[in-house]
Protein backbone atom coordinates (compact mmCIF):
# COMPACT_ATOMS: atom_id res chain seq x y z
CA MET A 1 0.06 -0.01 0.03
CA LYS A 2 1.26 3.47 -0.91
CA ILE A 3 -0.02 6.68 0.74
CA ARG A 4 0.34 9.78 -1.52
CA LYS A 5 -0.96 13.28 -1.77
CA LEU A 6 -3.89 13.62 -4.32
CA GLU A 7 -2.61 15.19 -7.54
CA LYS A 8 -4.04 18.55 -8.52
CA ASN A 9 -5.92 17.10 -11.58
CA GLU A 10 -7.34 14.11 -9.61
CA MET A 11 -10.84 14.16 -8.29
CA PRO A 12 -11.12 13.68 -4.62
CA PRO A 13 -12.64 10.17 -3.66
CA ILE A 14 -16.02 11.84 -2.45
CA GLU A 15 -17.80 8.56 -1.94
CA LEU A 16 -15.09 7.45 0.34
CA LEU A 17 -14.94 10.80 2.26
CA LEU A 18 -18.62 10.54 2.69
CA LEU A 19 -18.19 7.47 4.93
CA ALA A 20 -16.54 9.65 7.57
CA ASP A 21 -18.63 12.86 7.04
CA PRO A 22 -22.23 12.79 5.66
CA SER A 23 -22.09 16.38 4.36
CA GLU A 24 -20.85 16.67 0.76
CA SER A 25 -20.90 20.50 0.97
CA LEU A 26 -18.65 20.50 4.18
CA ILE A 27 -16.29 17.99 2.45
CA GLU A 28 -16.03 20.12 -0.68
CA GLU A 29 -15.32 23.17 1.50
CA TYR A 30 -12.46 21.58 3.37
CA ILE A 31 -11.03 19.74 0.47
CA GLN A 32 -10.45 23.17 -1.13
CA ARG A 33 -8.53 24.49 1.92
CA GLY A 34 -6.68 21.35 2.97
CA ASP A 35 -4.43 18.61 1.45
CA CYS A 36 -6.03 15.29 0.45
CA PHE A 37 -3.97 12.07 0.87
CA VAL A 38 -4.99 8.66 -0.51
CA ALA A 39 -4.00 5.14 0.16
CA ASP A 40 -3.48 3.16 -3.05
CA MET A 41 -3.50 -0.59 -3.21
CA ASN A 42 -3.19 -2.35 -6.55
CA HIS A 43 -4.28 0.85 -8.37
CA GLN A 44 -7.39 1.22 -6.12
CA ILE A 45 -7.96 3.92 -3.56
CA VAL A 46 -8.73 2.09 -0.33
CA GLY A 47 -8.31 5.00 2.10
CA VAL A 48 -8.16 8.77 2.43
CA TYR A 49 -7.49 11.43 4.91
CA VAL A 50 -7.46 15.32 4.78
CA LEU A 51 -5.13 17.67 6.57
CA LEU A 52 -6.41 21.09 7.19
CA PRO A 53 -4.31 23.97 8.51
CA THR A 54 -6.39 25.69 11.30
CA ARG A 55 -4.07 27.93 13.18
CA PRO A 56 -0.27 28.89 13.16
CA GLU A 57 1.61 25.69 13.66
CA THR A 58 -1.52 23.53 14.01
CA VAL A 59 -3.19 21.18 11.51
CA GLU A 60 -6.33 19.12 11.76
CA LEU A 61 -6.97 15.69 10.53
CA VAL A 62 -10.53 16.45 9.36
CA ASN A 63 -11.60 13.34 7.54
CA ILE A 64 -10.17 9.75 7.59
CA ALA A 65 -11.87 6.89 5.78
CA VAL A 66 -11.26 3.38 4.59
CA ILE A 67 -13.38 1.40 2.18
CA GLU A 68 -15.84 -0.74 4.03
CA THR A 69 -14.41 -3.98 2.61
CA MET A 70 -10.96 -3.10 3.94
CA GLN A 71 -11.83 -1.82 7.42
CA ASN A 72 -10.36 -3.48 10.50
CA GLN A 73 -7.16 -4.45 8.68
CA GLY A 74 -4.85 -1.68 10.12
CA ILE A 75 -5.19 0.74 7.25
CA GLY A 76 -6.89 3.46 9.32
CA LYS A 77 -3.92 3.24 11.72
CA GLN A 78 -1.44 3.45 8.89
CA LEU A 79 -3.26 6.51 7.58
CA ILE A 80 -3.26 8.18 10.98
CA MET A 81 0.42 7.53 11.48
CA ASN A 82 1.15 8.83 8.03
CA ALA A 83 -0.82 12.00 8.81
CA ILE A 84 1.11 12.52 12.04
CA GLN A 85 4.49 12.14 10.17
CA THR A 86 3.31 14.27 7.32
CA ALA A 87 2.28 17.07 9.73
CA LYS A 88 5.58 16.81 11.71
CA SER A 89 7.72 16.87 8.54
CA THR A 90 5.80 19.88 7.14
CA GLY A 91 6.64 21.85 10.29
CA TYR A 92 3.40 21.73 12.31
CA LYS A 93 3.83 21.49 16.12
CA THR A 94 0.30 20.26 16.87
CA ILE A 95 -2.12 17.88 15.13
CA GLU A 96 -5.74 17.78 16.11
CA VAL A 97 -8.63 15.48 15.27
CA GLY A 98 -12.37 15.47 16.17
CA THR A 99 -14.79 12.59 16.28
CA GLY A 100 -18.32 11.98 17.31
CA ASN A 101 -19.22 10.85 20.83
CA SER A 102 -20.84 7.77 19.17
CA SER A 103 -17.58 6.96 17.16
CA ILE A 104 -16.26 4.42 19.65
CA GLY A 105 -13.86 2.73 17.31
CA PRO A 106 -12.25 5.80 16.02
CA LEU A 107 -12.03 7.34 19.48
CA ALA A 108 -10.13 4.36 20.71
CA LEU A 109 -7.86 4.28 17.61
CA TYR A 110 -6.90 7.97 17.95
CA GLN A 111 -5.88 7.40 21.53
CA LYS A 112 -3.93 4.31 20.63
CA CYS A 113 -2.10 6.60 18.04
CA GLY A 114 -0.97 9.05 20.67
CA PHE A 115 -3.92 11.55 20.66
CA ARG A 116 -5.22 12.94 23.97
CA ILE A 117 -8.77 14.24 24.51
CA THR A 118 -8.64 18.02 24.99
CA ASP A 119 -12.16 19.24 24.65
CA VAL A 120 -15.79 18.34 24.00
CA ASP A 121 -17.79 20.62 21.64
CA ILE A 122 -21.37 20.02 23.09
CA ASP A 123 -24.06 19.55 20.35
CA PHE A 124 -21.62 20.12 17.50
CA PHE A 125 -23.34 17.59 15.21
CA ILE A 126 -26.85 18.80 16.13
CA ARG A 127 -25.84 22.38 15.07
CA ARG A 128 -23.93 21.51 12.00
CA TYR A 129 -25.93 18.62 10.36
CA GLU A 130 -29.57 18.61 9.41
CA GLU A 131 -30.14 14.91 9.62
CA GLU A 132 -29.62 13.02 12.86
CA ILE A 133 -26.57 10.76 12.96
CA PHE A 134 -26.58 7.47 14.77
CA GLU A 135 -23.61 5.02 15.33
CA ASN A 136 -23.45 2.03 17.57
CA GLY A 137 -26.96 2.72 18.64
CA ILE A 138 -25.97 6.18 20.01
CA GLN A 139 -26.90 9.46 18.65
CA CYS A 140 -23.90 11.47 17.56
CA ARG A 141 -24.37 14.82 19.26
CA ASP A 142 -20.95 15.98 20.63
CA MET A 143 -17.55 16.44 19.02
CA ILE A 144 -14.78 14.93 21.07
CA ARG A 145 -11.55 16.89 20.24
CA LEU A 146 -8.12 15.31 20.59
CA SER A 147 -4.71 16.60 19.88
CA GLN A 148 -1.09 15.49 19.89
CA ASP A 149 2.11 17.48 20.53
CA LEU A 150 4.25 16.74 17.42
CA SER A 151 7.52 17.58 19.24
CA ARG A 152 6.99 14.36 21.24
CA VAL A 153 6.60 12.23 18.03
CA ASN A 154 9.64 10.10 17.08
CA GLY A 155 10.74 9.80 13.51
CA GLN A 156 11.46 12.41 10.79
């Protein structure tokens, strides 16, 4: 598997991005402002993430998705670790990520990859999305915000 930055002339994998964010208009907005990276396996895009600069020296991992048939095989973790190294090698000092209170798997994965919970944005998903979102039998209401200090990350 190769993780690479999406070329300027390539269309972002919207269907894949929609797995992690149900709002196509929000996806299109942050794709314009951020950098999209894809995981290629045998000439097929199997994963994606977007890094979005938010503040000086800070970047946010705003969308990370793996095609459903390839989930739970470590690709998500590889994408997260690649995002961390990319952010660090680009000169960012902090990487942030947000996930829903109902996103139990991603919340555990981010912490396993070194992220720490820093904040909870109460009713974020209620305010931002017209349709109710349910995962794991739980309504997705709050954004759990996590971050990682990149000066503590080994490697590049």
